N, C-alpha and C. Protein backbone atom coordinates (compact mmCIF):
# COMPACT_ATOMS: atom_id res chain seq x y z
N MET A 1 78.47 88.31 103.34
CA MET A 1 79.52 89.14 102.81
C MET A 1 79.03 89.81 101.53
N LYS A 2 78.26 90.84 101.71
CA LYS A 2 77.72 91.54 100.55
C LYS A 2 78.58 92.76 100.29
N TYR A 3 78.62 93.11 99.02
CA TYR A 3 79.35 94.31 98.62
C TYR A 3 78.69 94.87 97.39
N GLN A 4 79.03 96.10 97.11
CA GLN A 4 78.43 96.82 95.97
C GLN A 4 79.57 97.46 95.18
N LEU A 5 79.45 97.43 93.85
CA LEU A 5 80.42 98.07 92.98
C LEU A 5 79.90 99.41 92.54
N ARG A 6 80.78 100.42 92.58
CA ARG A 6 80.38 101.77 92.17
C ARG A 6 81.49 102.41 91.32
N LYS A 7 81.11 103.29 90.45
CA LYS A 7 82.09 104.10 89.74
C LYS A 7 82.81 104.96 90.77
N SER A 8 84.12 104.96 90.73
CA SER A 8 84.91 105.67 91.74
C SER A 8 84.71 107.17 91.61
N ASN A 9 84.78 107.84 92.75
CA ASN A 9 84.65 109.28 92.77
C ASN A 9 85.81 109.91 93.54
N GLU A 10 85.79 111.22 93.65
CA GLU A 10 86.93 111.96 94.27
C GLU A 10 87.16 111.51 95.69
N ASN A 11 86.11 111.28 96.48
CA ASN A 11 86.32 110.82 97.86
C ASN A 11 86.99 109.46 97.90
N ASP A 12 86.63 108.58 96.98
CA ASP A 12 87.26 107.26 96.91
C ASP A 12 88.76 107.38 96.67
N PHE A 13 89.14 108.26 95.76
CA PHE A 13 90.54 108.43 95.44
C PHE A 13 91.35 108.91 96.63
N GLN A 14 90.75 109.81 97.41
CA GLN A 14 91.44 110.28 98.63
C GLN A 14 91.59 109.12 99.63
N THR A 15 90.57 108.29 99.73
CA THR A 15 90.64 107.13 100.62
C THR A 15 91.74 106.15 100.21
N ILE A 16 91.82 105.88 98.93
CA ILE A 16 92.83 104.95 98.42
C ILE A 16 94.23 105.41 98.71
N VAL A 17 94.48 106.64 98.48
CA VAL A 17 95.85 107.19 98.73
C VAL A 17 96.18 107.05 100.21
N LYS A 18 95.23 107.28 101.10
CA LYS A 18 95.48 107.11 102.54
C LYS A 18 95.81 105.69 102.94
N TRP A 19 95.25 104.70 102.22
CA TRP A 19 95.55 103.30 102.55
C TRP A 19 97.04 103.02 102.49
N PHE A 20 97.77 103.77 101.68
CA PHE A 20 99.17 103.44 101.42
C PHE A 20 100.16 104.48 101.96
N GLU A 21 99.70 105.41 102.71
CA GLU A 21 100.58 106.49 103.22
C GLU A 21 101.78 105.97 103.99
N ASN A 22 101.59 104.91 104.75
CA ASN A 22 102.68 104.44 105.63
C ASN A 22 103.17 103.04 105.31
N ASP A 23 102.80 102.50 104.19
CA ASP A 23 103.16 101.10 103.85
C ASP A 23 103.78 101.05 102.50
N GLU A 24 105.08 101.26 102.40
CA GLU A 24 105.78 101.41 101.12
C GLU A 24 105.72 100.14 100.29
N PHE A 25 105.87 98.96 100.92
CA PHE A 25 105.84 97.73 100.10
C PHE A 25 104.47 97.51 99.52
N SER A 26 103.45 97.67 100.28
CA SER A 26 102.07 97.53 99.73
C SER A 26 101.82 98.56 98.63
N PHE A 27 102.34 99.73 98.83
CA PHE A 27 102.16 100.76 97.82
C PHE A 27 102.87 100.39 96.53
N PHE A 28 104.04 99.78 96.67
CA PHE A 28 104.78 99.31 95.51
C PHE A 28 103.96 98.24 94.75
N LEU A 29 103.38 97.31 95.51
CA LEU A 29 102.55 96.28 94.87
C LEU A 29 101.34 96.92 94.19
N TRP A 30 100.85 97.97 94.79
CA TRP A 30 99.68 98.66 94.27
C TRP A 30 100.00 99.36 92.96
N THR A 31 101.14 100.03 92.84
CA THR A 31 101.39 100.87 91.70
C THR A 31 101.87 100.12 90.47
N GLY A 32 102.47 99.00 90.63
CA GLY A 32 102.91 98.24 89.47
C GLY A 32 104.25 98.71 88.93
N PHE A 33 104.76 97.98 87.94
CA PHE A 33 106.11 98.27 87.49
C PHE A 33 106.23 99.49 86.59
N ASP A 34 105.12 100.01 86.08
CA ASP A 34 105.23 101.15 85.18
C ASP A 34 104.88 102.47 85.88
N PHE A 35 104.87 102.46 87.18
CA PHE A 35 104.59 103.68 87.93
C PHE A 35 105.66 103.88 88.97
N GLU A 36 105.86 105.12 89.35
CA GLU A 36 106.76 105.42 90.46
C GLU A 36 105.92 105.53 91.71
N PHE A 37 106.57 105.82 92.82
CA PHE A 37 105.87 105.99 94.10
C PHE A 37 105.15 107.30 94.14
N SER A 38 104.35 107.59 93.15
CA SER A 38 103.72 108.89 93.09
C SER A 38 102.26 108.80 92.69
N GLU A 39 101.67 107.65 92.87
CA GLU A 39 100.25 107.51 92.51
C GLU A 39 99.46 108.40 93.51
N THR A 40 98.98 109.49 93.04
CA THR A 40 98.33 110.46 93.88
C THR A 40 96.85 110.58 93.54
N TYR A 41 96.19 111.32 94.37
CA TYR A 41 94.79 111.61 94.16
C TYR A 41 94.55 112.16 92.75
N LEU A 42 95.35 113.12 92.34
CA LEU A 42 95.16 113.77 91.03
C LEU A 42 95.39 112.79 89.90
N GLU A 43 96.36 111.90 90.03
CA GLU A 43 96.61 110.90 88.99
C GLU A 43 95.45 109.93 88.87
N LEU A 44 94.89 109.52 90.02
CA LEU A 44 93.74 108.62 90.00
C LEU A 44 92.54 109.32 89.38
N LYS A 45 92.33 110.56 89.72
CA LYS A 45 91.20 111.30 89.16
C LYS A 45 91.37 111.43 87.64
N LYS A 46 92.58 111.69 87.18
CA LYS A 46 92.82 111.79 85.74
C LYS A 46 92.49 110.50 85.03
N LYS A 47 92.89 109.35 85.63
CA LYS A 47 92.57 108.06 85.00
C LYS A 47 91.06 107.88 84.91
N SER A 48 90.33 108.35 85.90
CA SER A 48 88.87 108.14 85.88
C SER A 48 88.18 108.85 84.73
N LEU A 49 88.85 109.83 84.16
CA LEU A 49 88.29 110.58 83.04
C LEU A 49 88.54 109.93 81.70
N ASN A 50 89.44 108.94 81.67
CA ASN A 50 89.77 108.20 80.46
C ASN A 50 88.67 107.19 80.15
N LYS A 51 88.07 107.28 78.98
CA LYS A 51 86.93 106.41 78.63
C LYS A 51 87.36 104.94 78.46
N ASP A 52 88.65 104.68 78.33
CA ASP A 52 89.13 103.30 78.21
C ASP A 52 89.57 102.70 79.52
N ILE A 53 89.36 103.42 80.61
CA ILE A 53 89.69 102.92 81.95
C ILE A 53 88.46 102.99 82.80
N SER A 54 88.09 101.88 83.42
CA SER A 54 86.96 101.85 84.37
C SER A 54 87.56 101.80 85.78
N CYS A 55 87.29 102.81 86.56
CA CYS A 55 87.76 102.88 87.95
C CYS A 55 86.55 102.45 88.83
N VAL A 56 86.74 101.36 89.57
CA VAL A 56 85.62 100.79 90.30
C VAL A 56 85.97 100.73 91.80
N SER A 57 85.09 101.24 92.61
CA SER A 57 85.23 101.16 94.08
C SER A 57 84.26 100.09 94.59
N VAL A 58 84.71 99.38 95.61
CA VAL A 58 83.91 98.31 96.19
C VAL A 58 83.52 98.71 97.61
N TYR A 59 82.22 98.66 97.87
CA TYR A 59 81.71 99.10 99.18
C TYR A 59 81.00 97.98 99.91
N ASN A 60 81.16 97.94 101.21
CA ASN A 60 80.38 97.08 102.12
C ASN A 60 79.53 98.04 102.91
N LEU A 61 78.26 98.13 102.57
CA LEU A 61 77.38 99.17 103.10
C LEU A 61 77.93 100.53 102.76
N SER A 62 78.42 101.28 103.76
CA SER A 62 78.89 102.63 103.47
C SER A 62 80.43 102.74 103.50
N GLU A 63 81.13 101.66 103.79
CA GLU A 63 82.59 101.70 103.90
C GLU A 63 83.26 101.12 102.66
N MET A 64 84.24 101.84 102.18
CA MET A 64 84.99 101.37 100.99
C MET A 64 85.92 100.24 101.39
N ILE A 65 85.78 99.11 100.73
CA ILE A 65 86.62 97.97 101.07
C ILE A 65 87.60 97.59 99.96
N GLY A 66 87.45 98.14 98.78
CA GLY A 66 88.39 97.78 97.71
C GLY A 66 88.28 98.70 96.53
N TYR A 67 89.19 98.48 95.59
CA TYR A 67 89.26 99.28 94.41
C TYR A 67 89.97 98.47 93.31
N TYR A 68 89.57 98.68 92.07
CA TYR A 68 90.30 98.13 90.93
C TYR A 68 90.02 98.96 89.69
N GLU A 69 90.87 98.77 88.70
CA GLU A 69 90.68 99.41 87.40
C GLU A 69 90.69 98.31 86.34
N ILE A 70 89.88 98.52 85.32
CA ILE A 70 89.91 97.69 84.11
C ILE A 70 90.32 98.61 82.97
N HIS A 71 91.43 98.29 82.33
CA HIS A 71 91.91 99.09 81.21
C HIS A 71 91.59 98.33 79.90
N ARG A 72 91.03 99.04 78.97
CA ARG A 72 90.77 98.43 77.62
C ARG A 72 92.05 98.68 76.85
N TYR A 73 92.79 97.59 76.55
CA TYR A 73 94.08 97.72 75.90
C TYR A 73 93.96 97.82 74.39
N GLN A 74 93.14 97.01 73.79
CA GLN A 74 92.96 97.05 72.37
C GLN A 74 91.46 96.95 72.04
N LYS A 75 90.96 97.97 71.38
CA LYS A 75 89.52 98.00 71.09
C LYS A 75 89.12 96.94 70.11
N LYS A 76 89.91 96.73 69.05
CA LYS A 76 89.57 95.77 68.01
C LYS A 76 89.41 94.36 68.58
N SER A 77 90.34 93.97 69.43
CA SER A 77 90.35 92.60 69.92
C SER A 77 89.65 92.46 71.27
N ASN A 78 89.15 93.56 71.83
CA ASN A 78 88.50 93.51 73.14
C ASN A 78 89.42 92.87 74.19
N TRP A 79 90.64 93.42 74.29
CA TRP A 79 91.59 92.96 75.28
C TRP A 79 91.55 93.93 76.47
N PHE A 80 91.34 93.35 77.67
CA PHE A 80 91.25 94.16 78.88
C PHE A 80 92.32 93.71 79.87
N ARG A 81 92.74 94.65 80.75
CA ARG A 81 93.71 94.34 81.81
C ARG A 81 93.16 94.83 83.14
N LEU A 82 93.19 93.93 84.10
CA LEU A 82 92.87 94.25 85.47
C LEU A 82 94.09 94.90 86.12
N VAL A 83 93.91 96.06 86.66
CA VAL A 83 95.02 96.86 87.19
C VAL A 83 94.67 97.37 88.58
N ARG A 84 95.65 97.48 89.43
CA ARG A 84 95.53 98.09 90.76
C ARG A 84 94.38 97.51 91.57
N PHE A 85 94.28 96.20 91.64
CA PHE A 85 93.31 95.56 92.48
C PHE A 85 93.81 95.62 93.91
N VAL A 86 93.05 96.21 94.79
CA VAL A 86 93.49 96.37 96.18
C VAL A 86 92.30 96.26 97.12
N ILE A 87 92.56 95.67 98.28
CA ILE A 87 91.57 95.58 99.33
C ILE A 87 92.03 96.47 100.49
N ASN A 88 91.10 97.21 101.05
CA ASN A 88 91.36 98.03 102.25
C ASN A 88 92.06 97.16 103.27
N PRO A 89 93.17 97.62 103.85
CA PRO A 89 93.92 96.80 104.81
C PRO A 89 93.06 96.25 105.95
N GLU A 90 92.00 96.96 106.35
CA GLU A 90 91.13 96.50 107.42
C GLU A 90 90.24 95.31 107.01
N PHE A 91 90.13 95.07 105.70
CA PHE A 91 89.25 93.99 105.22
C PHE A 91 90.00 92.83 104.57
N ARG A 92 91.34 92.84 104.64
CA ARG A 92 92.11 91.77 104.02
C ARG A 92 91.97 90.49 104.81
N ASN A 93 92.15 89.37 104.07
CA ASN A 93 92.07 88.02 104.66
C ASN A 93 90.69 87.71 105.20
N LYS A 94 89.67 88.24 104.58
CA LYS A 94 88.29 87.96 104.99
C LYS A 94 87.45 87.43 103.83
N GLY A 95 88.11 87.12 102.71
CA GLY A 95 87.42 86.52 101.57
C GLY A 95 86.90 87.52 100.54
N TYR A 96 87.05 88.79 100.78
CA TYR A 96 86.54 89.77 99.82
C TYR A 96 87.29 89.72 98.47
N GLY A 97 88.63 89.55 98.57
CA GLY A 97 89.41 89.50 97.33
C GLY A 97 88.92 88.41 96.40
N SER A 98 88.74 87.20 96.92
CA SER A 98 88.26 86.07 96.12
C SER A 98 86.88 86.37 95.49
N LYS A 99 86.00 86.87 96.31
CA LYS A 99 84.64 87.14 95.81
C LYS A 99 84.64 88.22 94.71
N ILE A 100 85.44 89.26 94.90
CA ILE A 100 85.47 90.34 93.95
C ILE A 100 86.10 89.87 92.64
N ILE A 101 87.23 89.16 92.73
CA ILE A 101 87.87 88.65 91.49
C ILE A 101 86.91 87.70 90.77
N LYS A 102 86.22 86.84 91.53
CA LYS A 102 85.26 85.94 90.87
C LYS A 102 84.19 86.72 90.14
N SER A 103 83.68 87.81 90.75
CA SER A 103 82.64 88.60 90.08
C SER A 103 83.18 89.28 88.83
N ILE A 104 84.42 89.72 88.86
CA ILE A 104 85.05 90.33 87.70
C ILE A 104 85.15 89.30 86.57
N VAL A 105 85.65 88.12 86.87
CA VAL A 105 85.79 87.05 85.91
C VAL A 105 84.43 86.67 85.33
N ASP A 106 83.44 86.46 86.20
CA ASP A 106 82.11 86.10 85.76
C ASP A 106 81.54 87.15 84.82
N ASP A 107 81.74 88.42 85.16
CA ASP A 107 81.23 89.49 84.32
C ASP A 107 81.88 89.47 82.94
N TYR A 108 83.18 89.30 82.87
CA TYR A 108 83.86 89.31 81.59
C TYR A 108 83.58 88.03 80.78
N GLN A 109 83.28 86.92 81.43
CA GLN A 109 82.97 85.73 80.70
C GLN A 109 81.58 85.83 80.03
N SER A 110 80.78 86.78 80.45
CA SER A 110 79.47 86.96 79.82
C SER A 110 79.53 88.01 78.69
N LYS A 111 80.72 88.54 78.43
CA LYS A 111 80.88 89.57 77.41
C LYS A 111 81.77 89.05 76.27
N PRO A 112 81.68 89.73 75.11
CA PRO A 112 82.58 89.37 74.02
C PRO A 112 83.96 89.99 74.20
N TYR A 113 84.86 89.27 74.83
CA TYR A 113 86.22 89.76 75.02
C TYR A 113 87.21 88.70 74.56
N THR A 114 88.39 89.13 74.20
CA THR A 114 89.44 88.20 73.75
C THR A 114 90.26 87.72 74.95
N ARG A 115 90.65 88.67 75.79
CA ARG A 115 91.45 88.30 76.96
C ARG A 115 91.27 89.31 78.08
N LEU A 116 91.37 88.82 79.28
CA LEU A 116 91.42 89.61 80.48
C LEU A 116 92.72 89.22 81.16
N ASP A 117 93.66 90.14 81.31
CA ASP A 117 94.93 89.75 81.93
C ASP A 117 95.33 90.70 83.03
N LEU A 118 96.40 90.37 83.70
CA LEU A 118 96.94 91.16 84.77
C LEU A 118 98.42 90.84 84.94
N ILE A 119 99.11 91.73 85.60
CA ILE A 119 100.51 91.45 85.94
C ILE A 119 100.63 91.63 87.46
N VAL A 120 101.49 90.83 88.05
CA VAL A 120 101.68 90.84 89.49
C VAL A 120 103.11 90.49 89.84
N PHE A 121 103.66 91.12 90.86
CA PHE A 121 105.04 90.79 91.23
C PHE A 121 105.12 89.40 91.78
N GLU A 122 106.19 88.70 91.40
CA GLU A 122 106.42 87.31 91.83
C GLU A 122 106.44 87.19 93.34
N GLU A 123 106.87 88.24 94.04
CA GLU A 123 106.94 88.19 95.48
C GLU A 123 105.54 88.24 96.13
N ASN A 124 104.55 88.61 95.40
CA ASN A 124 103.18 88.70 95.91
C ASN A 124 102.48 87.35 95.73
N ILE A 125 102.96 86.36 96.47
CA ILE A 125 102.53 84.98 96.34
C ILE A 125 101.01 84.84 96.62
N ASN A 126 100.51 85.55 97.65
CA ASN A 126 99.09 85.44 97.96
C ASN A 126 98.21 85.93 96.81
N ALA A 127 98.62 86.99 96.13
CA ALA A 127 97.83 87.49 95.01
C ALA A 127 97.88 86.46 93.87
N ILE A 128 99.02 85.90 93.59
CA ILE A 128 99.13 84.92 92.51
C ILE A 128 98.21 83.74 92.80
N LYS A 129 98.21 83.24 94.03
CA LYS A 129 97.33 82.13 94.41
C LYS A 129 95.87 82.53 94.24
N LEU A 130 95.54 83.74 94.63
CA LEU A 130 94.16 84.22 94.48
C LEU A 130 93.73 84.18 93.00
N TYR A 131 94.56 84.74 92.12
CA TYR A 131 94.21 84.78 90.72
C TYR A 131 94.13 83.39 90.09
N LEU A 132 95.07 82.51 90.44
CA LEU A 132 95.04 81.15 89.89
C LEU A 132 93.77 80.42 90.36
N ASN A 133 93.40 80.63 91.62
CA ASN A 133 92.18 79.96 92.14
C ASN A 133 90.91 80.50 91.50
N GLN A 134 91.00 81.66 90.85
CA GLN A 134 89.78 82.20 90.20
C GLN A 134 89.82 81.98 88.67
N GLY A 135 90.72 81.11 88.22
CA GLY A 135 90.70 80.72 86.81
C GLY A 135 91.74 81.36 85.92
N PHE A 136 92.52 82.28 86.45
CA PHE A 136 93.61 82.83 85.62
C PHE A 136 94.70 81.78 85.38
N ILE A 137 95.34 81.86 84.23
CA ILE A 137 96.41 80.96 83.86
C ILE A 137 97.73 81.75 83.84
N LEU A 138 98.74 81.19 84.40
CA LEU A 138 100.06 81.81 84.36
C LEU A 138 100.64 81.68 82.97
N GLU A 139 100.85 82.80 82.29
CA GLU A 139 101.41 82.82 80.93
C GLU A 139 102.91 82.83 80.93
N GLY A 140 103.49 83.47 81.95
CA GLY A 140 104.95 83.58 81.95
C GLY A 140 105.41 84.61 82.97
N VAL A 141 106.73 84.75 83.02
CA VAL A 141 107.33 85.69 83.95
C VAL A 141 108.27 86.61 83.19
N MET A 142 108.10 87.91 83.43
CA MET A 142 109.03 88.89 82.88
C MET A 142 110.14 89.07 83.94
N ARG A 143 111.33 88.64 83.63
CA ARG A 143 112.42 88.71 84.61
C ARG A 143 112.96 90.12 84.69
N LYS A 144 113.23 90.54 85.91
CA LYS A 144 113.81 91.85 86.20
C LYS A 144 113.05 92.98 85.48
N ALA A 145 111.71 92.91 85.54
CA ALA A 145 110.89 93.89 84.83
C ALA A 145 110.53 95.09 85.69
N GLY A 146 110.75 94.97 87.00
CA GLY A 146 110.46 96.08 87.91
C GLY A 146 111.64 96.33 88.81
N ILE A 147 111.70 97.47 89.42
CA ILE A 147 112.77 97.77 90.34
C ILE A 147 112.21 98.55 91.52
N SER A 148 112.66 98.21 92.72
CA SER A 148 112.27 98.94 93.91
C SER A 148 113.45 98.89 94.88
N ASN A 149 113.74 100.04 95.44
CA ASN A 149 114.85 100.12 96.39
C ASN A 149 116.12 99.48 95.84
N GLU A 150 116.36 99.73 94.56
CA GLU A 150 117.56 99.22 93.87
C GLU A 150 117.61 97.70 93.76
N LYS A 151 116.44 97.06 93.89
CA LYS A 151 116.32 95.62 93.75
C LYS A 151 115.43 95.30 92.56
N TYR A 152 115.93 94.48 91.61
CA TYR A 152 115.09 94.07 90.49
C TYR A 152 114.06 93.04 90.96
N MET A 153 112.89 93.12 90.32
CA MET A 153 111.81 92.19 90.65
C MET A 153 111.23 91.60 89.40
N ASP A 154 110.85 90.31 89.50
CA ASP A 154 110.20 89.62 88.39
C ASP A 154 108.69 89.82 88.47
N ILE A 155 108.06 89.77 87.31
CA ILE A 155 106.62 90.04 87.24
C ILE A 155 105.96 88.88 86.48
N SER A 156 104.89 88.32 87.06
CA SER A 156 104.10 87.28 86.40
C SER A 156 102.99 87.85 85.58
N ILE A 157 102.71 87.23 84.47
CA ILE A 157 101.58 87.62 83.62
C ILE A 157 100.55 86.48 83.68
N LEU A 158 99.36 86.82 84.06
CA LEU A 158 98.25 85.86 84.17
C LEU A 158 97.10 86.34 83.30
N SER A 159 96.33 85.38 82.74
CA SER A 159 95.20 85.77 81.89
C SER A 159 94.11 84.73 81.91
N ILE A 160 92.97 85.22 81.43
CA ILE A 160 91.82 84.35 81.12
C ILE A 160 91.43 84.72 79.70
N LEU A 161 91.31 83.74 78.84
CA LEU A 161 90.90 84.00 77.46
C LEU A 161 89.40 83.93 77.31
N GLY A 162 88.87 84.79 76.49
CA GLY A 162 87.44 84.82 76.25
C GLY A 162 87.03 83.95 75.06
N LYS A 163 85.78 83.99 74.77
CA LYS A 163 85.20 83.20 73.70
C LYS A 163 85.09 83.97 72.41
N TYR A 164 85.53 85.23 72.44
CA TYR A 164 85.42 86.12 71.29
C TYR A 164 86.54 85.86 70.31
N ASP A 165 86.22 85.67 69.05
CA ASP A 165 87.24 85.42 68.03
C ASP A 165 87.52 86.67 67.22
């Protein structure tokens, strides 16, 4: 199960948007609580131009199998947030998620960072299990922090603290 990480490009953004064209719930999990159902190709491209956001595509040979972003939240304290981690629907439940999260954690543990965190909807139990199994700690739950289809949703905050003081 080999894969390669690459800086995302325009073709990748088009692929990502297609993954969610017909799956509203997955798209909701993808966009997070601070976005509407409008994560488009142009919005992804705009993010890729921000020097504090790393847009990373994951490839298995020539096929894109995943995507994630790392946002630098605070420069002084080296606080980073993992955002929009997603696996291509055709490659889910094959172990790629665990391997990719492990490589992200390993990479950040070799760097001077204060924290690497993420937020995930409470209903996304599989994702929470994945993150906990890779060393993230549950910090807490923001109750009714998101809304979809007129239903409030709770959001978990998970993190790994670095060795940087």
